[in-house]
Amino acid sequence: MKIIFDENVPWLLRQFLTNHEVTSVPREGYGGIENGELLAKLEEYFDIFILADKNLRYQQNLRERTI
């Protein structure tokens, strides 16, 4: 499974996901991109997006997203 961490997720958490391919938004060069555009880019390549933003569900329509 391909997992990507948002900018605000501690990189050390990857140690608990050893059986998965893990990267981060900054490592992929997506730093500073707004959530709507970021989600569109990420769902093309990743299965799971881990973030600490509790307000994303109020800011974005997530119903049709695949990530």
PDB file of N, CA and C in Angstrom:
ATOM      1  N   MET A   1       0.849  -1.165   0.000  1.00  0.00           N
ATOM      2  CA  MET A   1       0.000   0.000   0.000  1.00  0.00           C
ATOM      3  C   MET A   1       0.897   1.232   0.000  1.00  0.00           C
ATOM      4  N   LYS A   2       0.539   2.220  -0.801  1.00  0.00           N
ATOM      5  CA  LYS A   2       1.312   3.455  -0.889  1.00  0.00           C
ATOM      6  C   LYS A   2       0.659   4.513  -0.004  1.00  0.00           C
ATOM      7  N   ILE A   3       1.428   4.989   0.977  1.00  0.00           N
ATOM      8  CA  ILE A   3       0.940   5.939   1.973  1.00  0.00           C
ATOM      9  C   ILE A   3       1.765   7.212   1.886  1.00  0.00           C
ATOM     10  N   ILE A   4       1.075   8.351   2.026  1.00  0.00           N
ATOM     11  CA  ILE A   4       1.772   9.633   2.052  1.00  0.00           C
ATOM     12  C   ILE A   4       1.325  10.421   3.278  1.00  0.00           C
ATOM     13  N   PHE A   5       2.294  11.000   3.977  1.00  0.00           N
ATOM     14  CA  PHE A   5       2.042  11.842   5.150  1.00  0.00           C
ATOM     15  C   PHE A   5       1.952  13.297   4.712  1.00  0.00           C
ATOM     16  N   ASP A   6       1.055  14.036   5.340  1.00  0.00           N
ATOM     17  CA  ASP A   6       0.985  15.470   5.117  1.00  0.00           C
ATOM     18  C   ASP A   6       2.178  16.138   5.803  1.00  0.00           C
ATOM     19  N   GLU A   7       2.357  17.416   5.541  1.00  0.00           N
ATOM     20  CA  GLU A   7       3.488  18.169   6.094  1.00  0.00           C
ATOM     21  C   GLU A   7       3.503  18.195   7.617  1.00  0.00           C
ATOM     22  N   ASN A   8       2.343  18.134   8.241  1.00  0.00           N
ATOM     23  CA  ASN A   8       2.261  18.267   9.697  1.00  0.00           C
ATOM     24  C   ASN A   8       2.280  16.930  10.444  1.00  0.00           C
ATOM     25  N   VAL A   9       2.517  15.828   9.767  1.00  0.00           N
ATOM     26  CA  VAL A   9       2.563  14.507  10.399  1.00  0.00           C
ATOM     27  C   VAL A   9       4.030  14.151  10.667  1.00  0.00           C
ATOM     28  N   PRO A  10       4.347  13.791  11.914  1.00  0.00           N
ATOM     29  CA  PRO A  10       5.744  13.447  12.239  1.00  0.00           C
ATOM     30  C   PRO A  10       6.271  12.276  11.403  1.00  0.00           C
ATOM     31  N   TRP A  11       7.420  12.478  10.804  1.00  0.00           N
ATOM     32  CA  TRP A  11       8.014  11.478   9.934  1.00  0.00           C
ATOM     33  C   TRP A  11       8.329  10.181  10.679  1.00  0.00           C
ATOM     34  N   LEU A  12       8.581  10.257  11.970  1.00  0.00           N
ATOM     35  CA  LEU A  12       8.906   9.063  12.759  1.00  0.00           C
ATOM     36  C   LEU A  12       7.763   8.053  12.810  1.00  0.00           C
ATOM     37  N   LEU A  13       6.555   8.464  12.503  1.00  0.00           N
ATOM     38  CA  LEU A  13       5.423   7.526  12.502  1.00  0.00           C
ATOM     39  C   LEU A  13       5.568   6.436  11.444  1.00  0.00           C
ATOM     40  N   ARG A  14       6.409   6.665  10.465  1.00  0.00           N
ATOM     41  CA  ARG A  14       6.585   5.675   9.403  1.00  0.00           C
ATOM     42  C   ARG A  14       7.122   4.351   9.937  1.00  0.00           C
ATOM     43  N   GLN A  15       7.787   4.378  11.094  1.00  0.00           N
ATOM     44  CA  GLN A  15       8.346   3.153  11.667  1.00  0.00           C
ATOM     45  C   GLN A  15       7.267   2.127  12.015  1.00  0.00           C
ATOM     46  N   PHE A  16       6.034   2.561  12.153  1.00  0.00           N
ATOM     47  CA  PHE A  16       4.927   1.663  12.463  1.00  0.00           C
ATOM     48  C   PHE A  16       4.247   1.108  11.198  1.00  0.00           C
ATOM     49  N   LEU A  17       4.718   1.531  10.047  1.00  0.00           N
ATOM     50  CA  LEU A  17       4.121   1.123   8.769  1.00  0.00           C
ATOM     51  C   LEU A  17       5.172   0.417   7.902  1.00  0.00           C
ATOM     52  N   THR A  18       5.911  -0.484   8.494  1.00  0.00           N
ATOM     53  CA  THR A  18       7.057  -1.104   7.828  1.00  0.00           C
ATOM     54  C   THR A  18       6.691  -1.948   6.608  1.00  0.00           C
ATOM     55  N   ASN A  19       5.481  -2.442   6.543  1.00  0.00           N
ATOM     56  CA  ASN A  19       5.081  -3.278   5.410  1.00  0.00           C
ATOM     57  C   ASN A  19       4.487  -2.482   4.258  1.00  0.00           C
ATOM     58  N   HIS A  20       4.622  -1.166   4.323  1.00  0.00           N
ATOM     59  CA  HIS A  20       4.029  -0.298   3.307  1.00  0.00           C
ATOM     60  C   HIS A  20       5.070   0.669   2.759  1.00  0.00           C
ATOM     61  N   GLU A  21       4.786   1.191   1.587  1.00  0.00           N
ATOM     62  CA  GLU A  21       5.634   2.211   0.986  1.00  0.00           C
ATOM     63  C   GLU A  21       5.167   3.567   1.516  1.00  0.00           C
ATOM     64  N   VAL A  22       6.033   4.245   2.268  1.00  0.00           N
ATOM     65  CA  VAL A  22       5.647   5.494   2.931  1.00  0.00           C
ATOM     66  C   VAL A  22       6.546   6.638   2.468  1.00  0.00           C
ATOM     67  N   THR A  23       5.911   7.768   2.169  1.00  0.00           N
ATOM     68  CA  THR A  23       6.624   8.990   1.814  1.00  0.00           C
ATOM     69  C   THR A  23       5.876  10.166   2.440  1.00  0.00           C
ATOM     70  N   SER A  24       6.263  11.374   2.090  1.00  0.00           N
ATOM     71  CA  SER A  24       5.591  12.553   2.646  1.00  0.00           C
ATOM     72  C   SER A  24       5.385  13.600   1.557  1.00  0.00           C
ATOM     73  N   VAL A  25       4.495  14.516   1.829  1.00  0.00           N
ATOM     74  CA  VAL A  25       4.202  15.599   0.884  1.00  0.00           C
ATOM     75  C   VAL A  25       5.475  16.371   0.525  1.00  0.00           C
ATOM     76  N   PRO A  26       6.282  16.804   1.517  1.00  0.00           N
ATOM     77  CA  PRO A  26       7.506  17.529   1.149  1.00  0.00           C
ATOM     78  C   PRO A  26       8.490  16.681   0.337  1.00  0.00           C
ATOM     79  N   ARG A  27       8.633  15.405   0.678  1.00  0.00           N
ATOM     80  CA  ARG A  27       9.571  14.533  -0.040  1.00  0.00           C
ATOM     81  C   ARG A  27       9.157  14.341  -1.501  1.00  0.00           C
ATOM     82  N   GLU A  28       7.874  14.429  -1.780  1.00  0.00           N
ATOM     83  CA  GLU A  28       7.379  14.276  -3.150  1.00  0.00           C
ATOM     84  C   GLU A  28       7.324  15.599  -3.911  1.00  0.00           C
ATOM     85  N   GLY A  29       7.688  16.690  -3.237  1.00  0.00           N
ATOM     86  CA  GLY A  29       7.711  17.993  -3.896  1.00  0.00           C
ATOM     87  C   GLY A  29       6.368  18.696  -3.951  1.00  0.00           C
ATOM     88  N   TYR A  30       5.427  18.277  -3.096  1.00  0.00           N
ATOM     89  CA  TYR A  30       4.097  18.877  -3.080  1.00  0.00           C
ATOM     90  C   TYR A  30       3.909  19.896  -1.955  1.00  0.00           C
ATOM     91  N   GLY A  31       4.963  20.273  -1.280  1.00  0.00           N
ATOM     92  CA  GLY A  31       4.868  21.213  -0.167  1.00  0.00           C
ATOM     93  C   GLY A  31       4.257  22.534  -0.584  1.00  0.00           C
ATOM     94  N   GLY A  32       3.375  23.073   0.249  1.00  0.00           N
ATOM     95  CA  GLY A  32       2.768  24.367   0.003  1.00  0.00           C
ATOM     96  C   GLY A  32       1.562  24.355  -0.922  1.00  0.00           C
ATOM     97  N   ILE A  33       1.185  23.204  -1.467  1.00  0.00           N
ATOM     98  CA  ILE A  33       0.028  23.123  -2.361  1.00  0.00           C
ATOM     99  C   ILE A  33      -1.244  23.062  -1.513  1.00  0.00           C
ATOM    100  N   GLU A  34      -2.257  23.811  -1.894  1.00  0.00           N
ATOM    101  CA  GLU A  34      -3.519  23.842  -1.160  1.00  0.00           C
ATOM    102  C   GLU A  34      -4.215  22.486  -1.191  1.00  0.00           C
ATOM    103  N   ASN A  35      -5.035  22.214  -0.175  1.00  0.00           N
ATOM    104  CA  ASN A  35      -5.639  20.892   0.011  1.00  0.00           C
ATOM    105  C   ASN A  35      -6.414  20.350  -1.186  1.00  0.00           C
ATOM    106  N   GLY A  36      -7.227  21.149  -1.821  1.00  0.00           N
ATOM    107  CA  GLY A  36      -8.024  20.661  -2.951  1.00  0.00           C
ATOM    108  C   GLY A  36      -7.151  20.164  -4.093  1.00  0.00           C
ATOM    109  N   GLU A  37      -6.195  20.968  -4.476  1.00  0.00           N
ATOM    110  CA  GLU A  37      -5.270  20.596  -5.546  1.00  0.00           C
ATOM    111  C   GLU A  37      -4.385  19.429  -5.103  1.00  0.00           C
ATOM    112  N   LEU A  38      -3.966  19.447  -3.850  1.00  0.00           N
ATOM    113  CA  LEU A  38      -3.123  18.378  -3.315  1.00  0.00           C
ATOM    114  C   LEU A  38      -3.841  17.038  -3.346  1.00  0.00           C
ATOM    115  N   LEU A  39      -5.081  17.005  -2.904  1.00  0.00           N
ATOM    116  CA  LEU A  39      -5.857  15.762  -2.922  1.00  0.00           C
ATOM    117  C   LEU A  39      -5.979  15.205  -4.336  1.00  0.00           C
ATOM    118  N   ALA A  40      -6.218  16.067  -5.291  1.00  0.00           N
ATOM    119  CA  ALA A  40      -6.348  15.631  -6.684  1.00  0.00           C
ATOM    120  C   ALA A  40      -5.056  14.991  -7.181  1.00  0.00           C
ATOM    121  N   LYS A  41      -3.919  15.571  -6.836  1.00  0.00           N
ATOM    122  CA  LYS A  41      -2.633  15.018  -7.254  1.00  0.00           C
ATOM    123  C   LYS A  41      -2.340  13.690  -6.553  1.00  0.00           C
ATOM    124  N   LEU A  42      -2.615  13.645  -5.247  1.00  0.00           N
ATOM    125  CA  LEU A  42      -2.258  12.466  -4.457  1.00  0.00           C
ATOM    126  C   LEU A  42      -3.083  11.241  -4.812  1.00  0.00           C
ATOM    127  N   GLU A  43      -4.348  11.423  -5.106  1.00  0.00           N
ATOM    128  CA  GLU A  43      -5.186  10.246  -5.353  1.00  0.00           C
ATOM    129  C   GLU A  43      -4.816   9.524  -6.641  1.00  0.00           C
ATOM    130  N   GLU A  44      -3.996  10.135  -7.481  1.00  0.00           N
ATOM    131  CA  GLU A  44      -3.508   9.465  -8.688  1.00  0.00           C
ATOM    132  C   GLU A  44      -2.445   8.415  -8.365  1.00  0.00           C
ATOM    133  N   TYR A  45      -1.696   8.639  -7.271  1.00  0.00           N
ATOM    134  CA  TYR A  45      -0.525   7.803  -6.998  1.00  0.00           C
ATOM    135  C   TYR A  45      -0.538   7.073  -5.655  1.00  0.00           C
ATOM    136  N   PHE A  46      -1.386   7.494  -4.720  1.00  0.00           N
ATOM    137  CA  PHE A  46      -1.337   6.951  -3.362  1.00  0.00           C
ATOM    138  C   PHE A  46      -2.677   6.358  -2.942  1.00  0.00           C
ATOM    139  N   ASP A  47      -2.605   5.415  -1.997  1.00  0.00           N
ATOM    140  CA  ASP A  47      -3.808   4.768  -1.472  1.00  0.00           C
ATOM    141  C   ASP A  47      -4.336   5.462  -0.230  1.00  0.00           C
ATOM    142  N   ILE A  48      -3.417   5.950   0.606  1.00  0.00           N
ATOM    143  CA  ILE A  48      -3.803   6.561   1.881  1.00  0.00           C
ATOM    144  C   ILE A  48      -3.053   7.866   2.080  1.00  0.00           C
ATOM    145  N   PHE A  49      -3.784   8.872   2.538  1.00  0.00           N
ATOM    146  CA  PHE A  49      -3.215  10.183   2.873  1.00  0.00           C
ATOM    147  C   PHE A  49      -3.429  10.385   4.365  1.00  0.00           C
ATOM    148  N   ILE A  50      -2.333  10.443   5.131  1.00  0.00           N
ATOM    149  CA  ILE A  50      -2.432  10.625   6.580  1.00  0.00           C
ATOM    150  C   ILE A  50      -2.120  12.075   6.899  1.00  0.00           C
ATOM    151  N   LEU A  51      -3.039  12.718   7.598  1.00  0.00           N
ATOM    152  CA  LEU A  51      -2.869  14.111   7.957  1.00  0.00           C
ATOM    153  C   LEU A  51      -3.400  14.368   9.360  1.00  0.00           C
ATOM    154  N   ALA A  52      -3.042  15.519   9.903  1.00  0.00           N
ATOM    155  CA  ALA A  52      -3.478  15.884  11.240  1.00  0.00           C
ATOM    156  C   ALA A  52      -4.493  17.025  11.205  1.00  0.00           C
ATOM    157  N   ASP A  53      -4.918  17.426  10.032  1.00  0.00           N
ATOM    158  CA  ASP A  53      -5.877  18.523   9.860  1.00  0.00           C
ATOM    159  C   ASP A  53      -7.288  18.010  10.108  1.00  0.00           C
ATOM    160  N   LYS A  54      -7.858  18.365  11.240  1.00  0.00           N
ATOM    161  CA  LYS A  54      -9.205  17.898  11.597  1.00  0.00           C
ATOM    162  C   LYS A  54     -10.302  18.617  10.824  1.00  0.00           C
ATOM    163  N   ASN A  55      -9.975  19.704  10.168  1.00  0.00           N
ATOM    164  CA  ASN A  55     -10.985  20.499   9.468  1.00  0.00           C
ATOM    165  C   ASN A  55     -11.113  20.178   7.986  1.00  0.00           C
ATOM    166  N   LEU A  56     -10.299  19.283   7.476  1.00  0.00           N
ATOM    167  CA  LEU A  56     -10.319  18.988   6.042  1.00  0.00           C
ATOM    168  C   LEU A  56     -11.705  18.568   5.563  1.00  0.00           C
ATOM    169  N   ARG A  57     -12.397  17.764   6.355  1.00  0.00           N
ATOM    170  CA  ARG A  57     -13.720  17.293   5.918  1.00  0.00           C
ATOM    171  C   ARG A  57     -14.730  18.429   5.786  1.00  0.00           C
ATOM    172  N   TYR A  58     -14.477  19.554   6.468  1.00  0.00           N
ATOM    173  CA  TYR A  58     -15.361  20.713   6.352  1.00  0.00           C
ATOM    174  C   TYR A  58     -14.925  21.637   5.213  1.00  0.00           C
ATOM    175  N   GLN A  59     -13.672  21.519   4.809  1.00  0.00           N
ATOM    176  CA  GLN A  59     -13.120  22.388   3.779  1.00  0.00           C
ATOM    177  C   GLN A  59     -13.216  21.783   2.375  1.00  0.00           C
ATOM    178  N   GLN A  60     -13.267  20.458   2.296  1.00  0.00           N
ATOM    179  CA  GLN A  60     -13.257  19.771   1.012  1.00  0.00           C
ATOM    180  C   GLN A  60     -14.408  18.766   0.932  1.00  0.00           C
ATOM    181  N   ASN A  61     -14.908  18.553  -0.260  1.00  0.00           N
ATOM    182  CA  ASN A  61     -15.903  17.515  -0.483  1.00  0.00           C
ATOM    183  C   ASN A  61     -15.144  16.199  -0.699  1.00  0.00           C
ATOM    184  N   LEU A  62     -15.203  15.309   0.287  1.00  0.00           N
ATOM    185  CA  LEU A  62     -14.420  14.085   0.244  1.00  0.00           C
ATOM    186  C   LEU A  62     -15.201  12.869  -0.241  1.00  0.00           C
ATOM    187  N   ARG A  63     -16.470  13.024  -0.498  1.00  0.00           N
ATOM    188  CA  ARG A  63     -17.327  11.901  -0.870  1.00  0.00           C
ATOM    189  C   ARG A  63     -16.876  11.178  -2.144  1.00  0.00           C
ATOM    190  N   GLU A  64     -16.400  11.914  -3.102  1.00  0.00           N
ATOM    191  CA  GLU A  64     -16.026  11.299  -4.376  1.00  0.00           C
ATOM    192  C   GLU A  64     -14.526  11.045  -4.491  1.00  0.00           C
ATOM    193  N   ARG A  65     -13.792  11.295  -3.443  1.00  0.00           N
ATOM    194  CA  ARG A  65     -12.345  11.078  -3.450  1.00  0.00           C
ATOM    195  C   ARG A  65     -12.031   9.598  -3.279  1.00  0.00           C
ATOM    196  N   THR A  66     -10.962   9.153  -3.895  1.00  0.00           N
ATOM    197  CA  THR A  66     -10.567   7.754  -3.786  1.00  0.00           C
ATOM    198  C   THR A  66      -9.440   7.565  -2.778  1.00  0.00           C
ATOM    199  N   ILE A  67      -8.897   8.628  -2.293  1.00  0.00           N
ATOM    200  CA  ILE A  67      -7.797   8.535  -1.327  1.00  0.00           C
ATOM    201  C   ILE A  67      -8.331   8.730   0.076  1.00  0.00           C
TER     202      ILE A  67
END
